[in-house]
N, C-alpha and C. Protein backbone atom coordinates (compact mmCIF):
# COMPACT_ATOMS: atom_id res chain seq x y z
N MET A 1 -7.54 22.89 14.64
CA MET A 1 -8.89 22.37 14.55
C MET A 1 -9.09 21.31 15.64
N ILE A 2 -10.23 21.36 16.30
CA ILE A 2 -10.62 20.37 17.30
C ILE A 2 -11.65 19.44 16.67
N ARG A 3 -11.47 18.14 16.89
CA ARG A 3 -12.40 17.13 16.39
C ARG A 3 -12.88 16.30 17.57
N ILE A 4 -14.11 15.80 17.49
CA ILE A 4 -14.73 15.03 18.57
C ILE A 4 -15.03 13.62 18.07
N GLY A 5 -14.80 12.64 18.95
CA GLY A 5 -15.14 11.26 18.62
C GLY A 5 -15.77 10.58 19.81
N GLN A 6 -16.56 9.57 19.53
CA GLN A 6 -17.17 8.78 20.60
C GLN A 6 -16.90 7.31 20.35
N GLY A 7 -16.84 6.55 21.42
CA GLY A 7 -16.63 5.11 21.31
C GLY A 7 -17.42 4.37 22.36
N ILE A 8 -17.73 3.13 22.06
CA ILE A 8 -18.47 2.28 22.99
C ILE A 8 -17.96 0.85 22.83
N ASP A 9 -17.90 0.12 23.93
CA ASP A 9 -17.54 -1.29 23.86
C ASP A 9 -18.18 -2.02 25.04
N ALA A 10 -18.46 -3.30 24.84
CA ALA A 10 -19.02 -4.14 25.90
C ALA A 10 -18.47 -5.54 25.73
N HIS A 11 -18.20 -6.19 26.85
CA HIS A 11 -17.74 -7.58 26.83
C HIS A 11 -18.41 -8.33 27.97
N ARG A 12 -18.57 -9.63 27.76
CA ARG A 12 -19.17 -10.52 28.75
C ARG A 12 -18.17 -10.82 29.86
N LEU A 13 -18.67 -10.86 31.10
CA LEU A 13 -17.87 -11.28 32.25
C LEU A 13 -17.90 -12.80 32.36
N VAL A 14 -16.71 -13.40 32.52
CA VAL A 14 -16.60 -14.86 32.64
C VAL A 14 -15.55 -15.20 33.70
N GLU A 15 -15.65 -16.40 34.22
CA GLU A 15 -14.63 -16.88 35.17
C GLU A 15 -13.38 -17.29 34.40
N GLY A 16 -12.24 -17.21 35.07
CA GLY A 16 -11.00 -17.68 34.48
C GLY A 16 -10.25 -16.67 33.64
N ARG A 17 -10.70 -15.43 33.64
CA ARG A 17 -9.99 -14.36 32.90
C ARG A 17 -9.73 -13.21 33.86
N PRO A 18 -8.63 -12.48 33.64
CA PRO A 18 -8.38 -11.29 34.46
C PRO A 18 -9.30 -10.15 34.03
N LEU A 19 -9.62 -9.27 34.95
CA LEU A 19 -10.40 -8.08 34.64
C LEU A 19 -9.42 -6.92 34.48
N ILE A 20 -9.31 -6.43 33.25
CA ILE A 20 -8.37 -5.34 32.95
C ILE A 20 -9.17 -4.17 32.41
N LEU A 21 -8.98 -3.01 33.03
CA LEU A 21 -9.64 -1.78 32.61
C LEU A 21 -8.61 -0.66 32.58
N GLY A 22 -8.47 -0.02 31.44
CA GLY A 22 -7.48 1.04 31.31
C GLY A 22 -6.07 0.52 31.53
N GLY A 23 -5.85 -0.76 31.23
CA GLY A 23 -4.55 -1.37 31.39
C GLY A 23 -4.22 -1.79 32.81
N ILE A 24 -5.16 -1.62 33.73
CA ILE A 24 -4.94 -1.97 35.14
C ILE A 24 -5.69 -3.26 35.46
N ASN A 25 -5.00 -4.19 36.11
CA ASN A 25 -5.62 -5.45 36.52
C ASN A 25 -6.43 -5.18 37.79
N ILE A 26 -7.73 -5.36 37.70
CA ILE A 26 -8.65 -5.12 38.81
C ILE A 26 -8.96 -6.46 39.49
N PRO A 27 -8.67 -6.60 40.78
CA PRO A 27 -8.99 -7.86 41.47
C PRO A 27 -10.50 -8.13 41.46
N PHE A 28 -10.89 -9.25 40.86
CA PHE A 28 -12.30 -9.61 40.78
C PHE A 28 -12.40 -11.08 40.41
N ALA A 29 -13.49 -11.72 40.76
CA ALA A 29 -13.68 -13.15 40.51
C ALA A 29 -13.85 -13.47 39.03
N LYS A 30 -14.23 -12.48 38.23
CA LYS A 30 -14.45 -12.69 36.80
C LYS A 30 -13.66 -11.66 36.00
N GLY A 31 -13.46 -11.99 34.73
CA GLY A 31 -12.80 -11.07 33.82
C GLY A 31 -13.61 -10.97 32.54
N LEU A 32 -13.14 -10.16 31.62
CA LEU A 32 -13.86 -9.92 30.38
C LEU A 32 -13.40 -10.86 29.28
N LEU A 33 -14.37 -11.42 28.56
CA LEU A 33 -14.11 -12.36 27.48
C LEU A 33 -13.88 -11.60 26.18
N GLY A 34 -12.79 -11.93 25.51
CA GLY A 34 -12.52 -11.31 24.22
C GLY A 34 -11.27 -11.89 23.59
N HIS A 35 -11.03 -11.51 22.36
CA HIS A 35 -9.87 -11.99 21.60
C HIS A 35 -8.57 -11.44 22.18
N SER A 36 -8.58 -10.15 22.53
CA SER A 36 -7.42 -9.52 23.17
C SER A 36 -7.60 -9.67 24.68
N ASP A 37 -7.12 -8.69 25.44
CA ASP A 37 -7.36 -8.72 26.89
C ASP A 37 -8.77 -8.24 27.24
N ALA A 38 -9.54 -7.83 26.23
CA ALA A 38 -10.95 -7.44 26.37
C ALA A 38 -11.15 -6.22 27.27
N ASP A 39 -10.20 -5.32 27.26
CA ASP A 39 -10.26 -4.09 28.06
C ASP A 39 -11.27 -3.13 27.43
N VAL A 40 -12.52 -3.20 27.88
CA VAL A 40 -13.60 -2.41 27.28
C VAL A 40 -13.34 -0.91 27.34
N LEU A 41 -12.74 -0.45 28.41
CA LEU A 41 -12.47 0.99 28.54
C LEU A 41 -11.48 1.45 27.47
N THR A 42 -10.38 0.74 27.35
CA THR A 42 -9.38 1.13 26.34
C THR A 42 -9.94 0.96 24.94
N HIS A 43 -10.74 -0.06 24.71
CA HIS A 43 -11.35 -0.25 23.38
C HIS A 43 -12.28 0.91 23.04
N ALA A 44 -13.07 1.36 24.00
CA ALA A 44 -13.96 2.49 23.74
C ALA A 44 -13.16 3.75 23.43
N ILE A 45 -12.06 3.95 24.15
CA ILE A 45 -11.20 5.12 23.90
C ILE A 45 -10.57 5.03 22.51
N ILE A 46 -10.09 3.84 22.14
CA ILE A 46 -9.50 3.66 20.80
C ILE A 46 -10.53 3.99 19.73
N ASP A 47 -11.74 3.45 19.86
CA ASP A 47 -12.78 3.74 18.87
C ASP A 47 -13.10 5.23 18.81
N ALA A 48 -13.14 5.90 19.96
CA ALA A 48 -13.41 7.33 19.97
C ALA A 48 -12.30 8.11 19.27
N LEU A 49 -11.05 7.73 19.52
CA LEU A 49 -9.92 8.42 18.88
C LEU A 49 -9.94 8.21 17.37
N LEU A 50 -10.16 6.97 16.95
CA LEU A 50 -10.23 6.70 15.51
C LEU A 50 -11.40 7.44 14.87
N GLY A 51 -12.53 7.46 15.55
CA GLY A 51 -13.69 8.17 15.03
C GLY A 51 -13.45 9.66 14.90
N ALA A 52 -12.79 10.25 15.88
CA ALA A 52 -12.50 11.69 15.83
C ALA A 52 -11.65 12.04 14.63
N ALA A 53 -10.75 11.13 14.26
CA ALA A 53 -9.87 11.36 13.11
C ALA A 53 -10.46 10.83 11.80
N ALA A 54 -11.69 10.31 11.87
CA ALA A 54 -12.37 9.73 10.70
C ALA A 54 -11.54 8.61 10.08
N LEU A 55 -10.98 7.75 10.94
CA LEU A 55 -10.11 6.67 10.50
C LEU A 55 -10.73 5.28 10.67
N GLY A 56 -12.02 5.21 10.86
CA GLY A 56 -12.66 3.90 11.00
C GLY A 56 -12.82 3.49 12.45
N ASP A 57 -12.72 2.18 12.69
CA ASP A 57 -12.91 1.68 14.05
C ASP A 57 -11.84 0.66 14.41
N ILE A 58 -11.88 0.21 15.65
CA ILE A 58 -10.86 -0.69 16.17
C ILE A 58 -10.74 -1.97 15.36
N GLY A 59 -11.86 -2.50 14.89
CA GLY A 59 -11.85 -3.73 14.11
C GLY A 59 -11.17 -3.58 12.76
N SER A 60 -11.10 -2.37 12.24
CA SER A 60 -10.42 -2.12 10.97
C SER A 60 -8.92 -2.31 11.08
N TYR A 61 -8.38 -2.03 12.25
CA TYR A 61 -6.93 -2.07 12.45
C TYR A 61 -6.47 -3.29 13.25
N PHE A 62 -7.32 -3.75 14.15
CA PHE A 62 -6.95 -4.85 15.05
C PHE A 62 -8.07 -5.89 15.07
N PRO A 63 -8.33 -6.56 13.95
CA PRO A 63 -9.48 -7.48 13.87
C PRO A 63 -9.33 -8.69 14.78
N ASP A 64 -10.46 -9.14 15.32
CA ASP A 64 -10.44 -10.31 16.19
C ASP A 64 -10.26 -11.61 15.42
N THR A 65 -10.14 -11.51 14.12
CA THR A 65 -9.86 -12.69 13.29
C THR A 65 -8.36 -12.86 13.05
N ASP A 66 -7.56 -11.91 13.52
CA ASP A 66 -6.11 -11.94 13.32
C ASP A 66 -5.44 -12.48 14.59
N GLU A 67 -4.75 -13.60 14.46
CA GLU A 67 -4.13 -14.26 15.60
C GLU A 67 -3.06 -13.42 16.28
N GLN A 68 -2.47 -12.46 15.58
CA GLN A 68 -1.44 -11.65 16.22
C GLN A 68 -2.00 -10.79 17.36
N TYR A 69 -3.32 -10.64 17.39
CA TYR A 69 -3.95 -9.83 18.45
C TYR A 69 -4.55 -10.68 19.57
N ARG A 70 -4.43 -12.01 19.46
CA ARG A 70 -4.97 -12.88 20.51
C ARG A 70 -4.22 -12.61 21.82
N GLY A 71 -4.96 -12.22 22.85
CA GLY A 71 -4.39 -11.99 24.17
C GLY A 71 -3.56 -10.72 24.30
N ILE A 72 -3.48 -9.91 23.26
CA ILE A 72 -2.64 -8.71 23.29
C ILE A 72 -3.18 -7.69 24.30
N SER A 73 -2.27 -6.97 24.91
CA SER A 73 -2.67 -5.89 25.80
C SER A 73 -3.30 -4.76 24.99
N SER A 74 -4.43 -4.30 25.42
CA SER A 74 -5.09 -3.18 24.74
C SER A 74 -4.28 -1.91 24.84
N MET A 75 -3.37 -1.84 25.80
CA MET A 75 -2.50 -0.67 25.89
C MET A 75 -1.55 -0.61 24.69
N ILE A 76 -1.14 -1.77 24.19
CA ILE A 76 -0.34 -1.81 22.96
C ILE A 76 -1.17 -1.30 21.79
N LEU A 77 -2.43 -1.71 21.74
CA LEU A 77 -3.32 -1.24 20.68
C LEU A 77 -3.53 0.27 20.78
N LEU A 78 -3.62 0.78 22.00
CA LEU A 78 -3.77 2.23 22.21
C LEU A 78 -2.51 2.96 21.74
N GLU A 79 -1.34 2.41 22.04
CA GLU A 79 -0.09 3.02 21.57
C GLU A 79 -0.05 3.06 20.04
N ARG A 80 -0.47 1.99 19.41
CA ARG A 80 -0.49 1.94 17.93
C ARG A 80 -1.51 2.91 17.37
N THR A 81 -2.62 3.08 18.07
CA THR A 81 -3.62 4.06 17.65
C THR A 81 -3.06 5.47 17.75
N LEU A 82 -2.33 5.74 18.81
CA LEU A 82 -1.69 7.05 18.97
C LEU A 82 -0.70 7.31 17.84
N GLN A 83 0.07 6.30 17.45
CA GLN A 83 1.00 6.44 16.33
C GLN A 83 0.25 6.75 15.03
N LEU A 84 -0.88 6.10 14.85
CA LEU A 84 -1.71 6.34 13.67
C LEU A 84 -2.24 7.78 13.66
N LEU A 85 -2.70 8.24 14.81
CA LEU A 85 -3.17 9.63 14.91
C LEU A 85 -2.05 10.60 14.56
N ARG A 86 -0.88 10.36 15.12
CA ARG A 86 0.26 11.25 14.85
C ARG A 86 0.62 11.25 13.37
N ALA A 87 0.54 10.09 12.73
CA ALA A 87 0.83 10.00 11.29
C ALA A 87 -0.16 10.82 10.47
N HIS A 88 -1.34 11.03 11.03
CA HIS A 88 -2.36 11.86 10.37
C HIS A 88 -2.40 13.28 10.96
N HIS A 89 -1.38 13.62 11.72
CA HIS A 89 -1.18 14.97 12.26
C HIS A 89 -2.23 15.39 13.30
N TYR A 90 -2.56 14.45 14.18
CA TYR A 90 -3.46 14.74 15.29
C TYR A 90 -2.79 14.39 16.62
N GLN A 91 -3.24 15.04 17.67
CA GLN A 91 -2.83 14.67 19.01
C GLN A 91 -4.06 14.65 19.91
N VAL A 92 -3.98 13.85 20.96
CA VAL A 92 -5.10 13.72 21.89
C VAL A 92 -5.19 14.99 22.72
N ASN A 93 -6.41 15.50 22.84
CA ASN A 93 -6.65 16.71 23.62
C ASN A 93 -7.31 16.38 24.96
N GLN A 94 -8.35 15.55 24.93
CA GLN A 94 -9.09 15.24 26.15
C GLN A 94 -9.84 13.92 26.00
N ILE A 95 -9.98 13.21 27.13
CA ILE A 95 -10.75 11.96 27.18
C ILE A 95 -11.73 12.06 28.34
N ASP A 96 -12.97 11.71 28.07
CA ASP A 96 -13.99 11.59 29.12
C ASP A 96 -14.66 10.24 28.90
N ALA A 97 -14.50 9.33 29.85
CA ALA A 97 -15.02 7.97 29.68
C ALA A 97 -15.79 7.53 30.90
N THR A 98 -16.74 6.62 30.66
CA THR A 98 -17.57 6.05 31.72
C THR A 98 -17.56 4.54 31.59
N VAL A 99 -17.36 3.86 32.70
CA VAL A 99 -17.44 2.40 32.76
C VAL A 99 -18.72 2.07 33.52
N VAL A 100 -19.56 1.21 32.93
CA VAL A 100 -20.83 0.84 33.54
C VAL A 100 -20.74 -0.60 34.02
N THR A 101 -20.81 -0.77 35.36
CA THR A 101 -20.75 -2.10 35.97
C THR A 101 -21.31 -2.03 37.39
N GLU A 102 -21.99 -3.06 37.81
CA GLU A 102 -22.46 -3.13 39.20
C GLU A 102 -21.30 -3.47 40.13
N ALA A 103 -20.46 -4.40 39.65
CA ALA A 103 -19.31 -4.85 40.44
C ALA A 103 -18.21 -5.23 39.47
N PRO A 104 -16.99 -5.03 39.86
CA PRO A 104 -16.54 -4.50 41.15
C PRO A 104 -16.70 -2.98 41.21
N LYS A 105 -16.61 -2.47 42.41
CA LYS A 105 -16.58 -1.02 42.58
C LYS A 105 -15.23 -0.52 42.08
N LEU A 106 -15.25 0.46 41.21
CA LEU A 106 -14.02 0.89 40.54
C LEU A 106 -13.36 2.12 41.15
N GLN A 107 -14.03 2.79 42.05
CA GLN A 107 -13.48 4.03 42.60
C GLN A 107 -12.04 3.88 43.11
N PRO A 108 -11.68 2.79 43.79
CA PRO A 108 -10.30 2.67 44.28
C PRO A 108 -9.25 2.59 43.16
N TYR A 109 -9.68 2.33 41.92
CA TYR A 109 -8.75 2.11 40.82
C TYR A 109 -8.73 3.26 39.80
N ILE A 110 -9.63 4.20 39.95
CA ILE A 110 -9.76 5.28 38.96
C ILE A 110 -8.46 6.06 38.80
N ASP A 111 -7.81 6.43 39.88
CA ASP A 111 -6.57 7.21 39.78
C ASP A 111 -5.48 6.42 39.07
N SER A 112 -5.36 5.13 39.34
CA SER A 112 -4.36 4.29 38.66
C SER A 112 -4.65 4.17 37.17
N ILE A 113 -5.93 4.03 36.84
CA ILE A 113 -6.33 3.95 35.43
C ILE A 113 -5.98 5.25 34.73
N ARG A 114 -6.33 6.38 35.33
CA ARG A 114 -6.02 7.69 34.73
C ARG A 114 -4.52 7.85 34.54
N GLN A 115 -3.75 7.47 35.54
CA GLN A 115 -2.29 7.59 35.46
C GLN A 115 -1.74 6.72 34.33
N ASN A 116 -2.22 5.51 34.22
CA ASN A 116 -1.76 4.59 33.18
C ASN A 116 -2.07 5.14 31.79
N LEU A 117 -3.28 5.64 31.60
CA LEU A 117 -3.66 6.22 30.31
C LEU A 117 -2.85 7.48 30.02
N SER A 118 -2.60 8.28 31.05
CA SER A 118 -1.81 9.50 30.90
C SER A 118 -0.41 9.19 30.38
N VAL A 119 0.23 8.20 30.98
CA VAL A 119 1.59 7.81 30.56
C VAL A 119 1.57 7.28 29.14
N CYS A 120 0.63 6.40 28.83
CA CYS A 120 0.55 5.79 27.50
C CYS A 120 0.34 6.84 26.41
N LEU A 121 -0.53 7.81 26.68
CA LEU A 121 -0.89 8.80 25.67
C LEU A 121 -0.03 10.06 25.71
N GLY A 122 0.78 10.19 26.76
CA GLY A 122 1.63 11.37 26.87
C GLY A 122 0.85 12.65 27.10
N ILE A 123 -0.24 12.53 27.86
CA ILE A 123 -1.04 13.72 28.18
C ILE A 123 -1.18 13.83 29.70
N SER A 124 -1.61 14.98 30.15
CA SER A 124 -1.75 15.27 31.57
C SER A 124 -2.97 14.56 32.17
N LEU A 125 -2.88 14.29 33.46
CA LEU A 125 -4.04 13.74 34.18
C LEU A 125 -5.25 14.65 34.07
N THR A 126 -5.02 15.95 33.95
CA THR A 126 -6.13 16.90 33.85
C THR A 126 -6.88 16.79 32.53
N GLN A 127 -6.34 16.01 31.61
CA GLN A 127 -6.98 15.81 30.31
C GLN A 127 -7.76 14.49 30.25
N ILE A 128 -7.81 13.78 31.37
CA ILE A 128 -8.46 12.46 31.40
C ILE A 128 -9.47 12.40 32.54
N SER A 129 -10.70 12.09 32.21
CA SER A 129 -11.75 11.87 33.20
C SER A 129 -12.29 10.46 33.02
N ILE A 130 -12.30 9.70 34.10
CA ILE A 130 -12.86 8.34 34.09
C ILE A 130 -13.89 8.27 35.20
N LYS A 131 -15.08 7.81 34.84
CA LYS A 131 -16.16 7.68 35.82
C LYS A 131 -16.65 6.25 35.83
N ALA A 132 -17.21 5.83 36.95
CA ALA A 132 -17.82 4.50 37.07
C ALA A 132 -19.28 4.69 37.48
N LYS A 133 -20.16 3.98 36.80
CA LYS A 133 -21.60 4.07 37.07
C LYS A 133 -22.19 2.68 37.14
N THR A 134 -23.36 2.60 37.77
CA THR A 134 -24.13 1.36 37.79
C THR A 134 -25.43 1.59 37.03
N THR A 135 -26.16 0.51 36.80
CA THR A 135 -27.49 0.62 36.20
C THR A 135 -28.56 0.16 37.19
N GLU A 136 -28.19 0.20 38.49
CA GLU A 136 -29.14 -0.14 39.55
C GLU A 136 -29.80 -1.50 39.33
N GLY A 137 -28.99 -2.47 38.89
CA GLY A 137 -29.47 -3.83 38.73
C GLY A 137 -30.18 -4.12 37.42
N MET A 138 -30.28 -3.13 36.54
CA MET A 138 -31.00 -3.33 35.28
C MET A 138 -30.04 -3.74 34.16
N GLY A 139 -30.54 -4.53 33.20
CA GLY A 139 -29.79 -4.88 32.01
C GLY A 139 -28.61 -5.81 32.28
N PHE A 140 -27.81 -6.05 31.21
CA PHE A 140 -26.71 -7.01 31.34
C PHE A 140 -25.64 -6.54 32.30
N THR A 141 -25.42 -5.23 32.41
CA THR A 141 -24.42 -4.75 33.37
C THR A 141 -24.96 -4.89 34.79
N GLY A 142 -26.22 -4.59 34.97
CA GLY A 142 -26.83 -4.68 36.28
C GLY A 142 -26.92 -6.10 36.81
N LYS A 143 -27.04 -7.05 35.90
CA LYS A 143 -27.12 -8.46 36.29
C LYS A 143 -25.73 -9.09 36.42
N GLY A 144 -24.69 -8.31 36.20
CA GLY A 144 -23.33 -8.83 36.32
C GLY A 144 -22.90 -9.72 35.17
N GLU A 145 -23.57 -9.60 34.02
CA GLU A 145 -23.24 -10.42 32.86
C GLU A 145 -22.10 -9.83 32.04
N GLY A 146 -21.87 -8.53 32.16
CA GLY A 146 -20.84 -7.88 31.36
C GLY A 146 -20.57 -6.48 31.84
N ILE A 147 -19.63 -5.84 31.17
CA ILE A 147 -19.26 -4.46 31.47
C ILE A 147 -19.30 -3.66 30.18
N LEU A 148 -19.77 -2.43 30.28
CA LEU A 148 -19.91 -1.52 29.16
C LEU A 148 -19.03 -0.30 29.42
N ALA A 149 -18.40 0.21 28.39
CA ALA A 149 -17.64 1.46 28.51
C ALA A 149 -17.99 2.38 27.36
N LEU A 150 -18.05 3.67 27.67
CA LEU A 150 -18.33 4.70 26.69
C LEU A 150 -17.25 5.77 26.81
N ALA A 151 -16.83 6.33 25.68
CA ALA A 151 -15.80 7.36 25.71
C ALA A 151 -16.11 8.46 24.71
N VAL A 152 -15.80 9.66 25.11
CA VAL A 152 -15.84 10.82 24.22
C VAL A 152 -14.46 11.45 24.30
N VAL A 153 -13.91 11.77 23.14
CA VAL A 153 -12.58 12.37 23.11
C VAL A 153 -12.59 13.60 22.22
N THR A 154 -11.62 14.45 22.46
CA THR A 154 -11.31 15.50 21.49
C THR A 154 -9.86 15.33 21.09
N ILE A 155 -9.61 15.58 19.82
CA ILE A 155 -8.25 15.58 19.31
C ILE A 155 -8.05 16.91 18.60
N LYS A 156 -6.79 17.28 18.42
CA LYS A 156 -6.52 18.53 17.71
C LYS A 156 -5.41 18.31 16.71
N SER A 157 -5.39 19.15 15.69
CA SER A 157 -4.36 19.08 14.66
C SER A 157 -3.02 19.48 15.23
N LEU A 158 -1.97 18.82 14.78
CA LEU A 158 -0.61 19.16 15.19
C LEU A 158 -0.14 20.42 14.47
């Protein structure tokens, strides 16, 4: 059986924090504000995976009120999500995600992000699509106030 899930996440850009997307540190003057490393891309993927398995959302498992998750790498959270999926007899089939930001330009980092996610999830690069889009200066992403990520995934029964 194939199941589909979607996820979305957004965080504010601030000075003094690293910008991490898909577990990759992106050189930029600002980073994303959040309880963990605020990796919006990985958070959207986690929510999509949990949704596909009808297991709730990221906040159900990794709440921002729990100090053990302060500053944690979202890649660790993704690994734990994968373990949860396996415990429910699912495996990741495909990921299609979009990051919405005016800056920085993400094209130079897309292959590294895909590779990092591929290793973490134990799936092929051909099963992961990551795109970067702008909003042509409109809204909070267009004004450089934050970054938005959206993900659609398919999972299948083991």
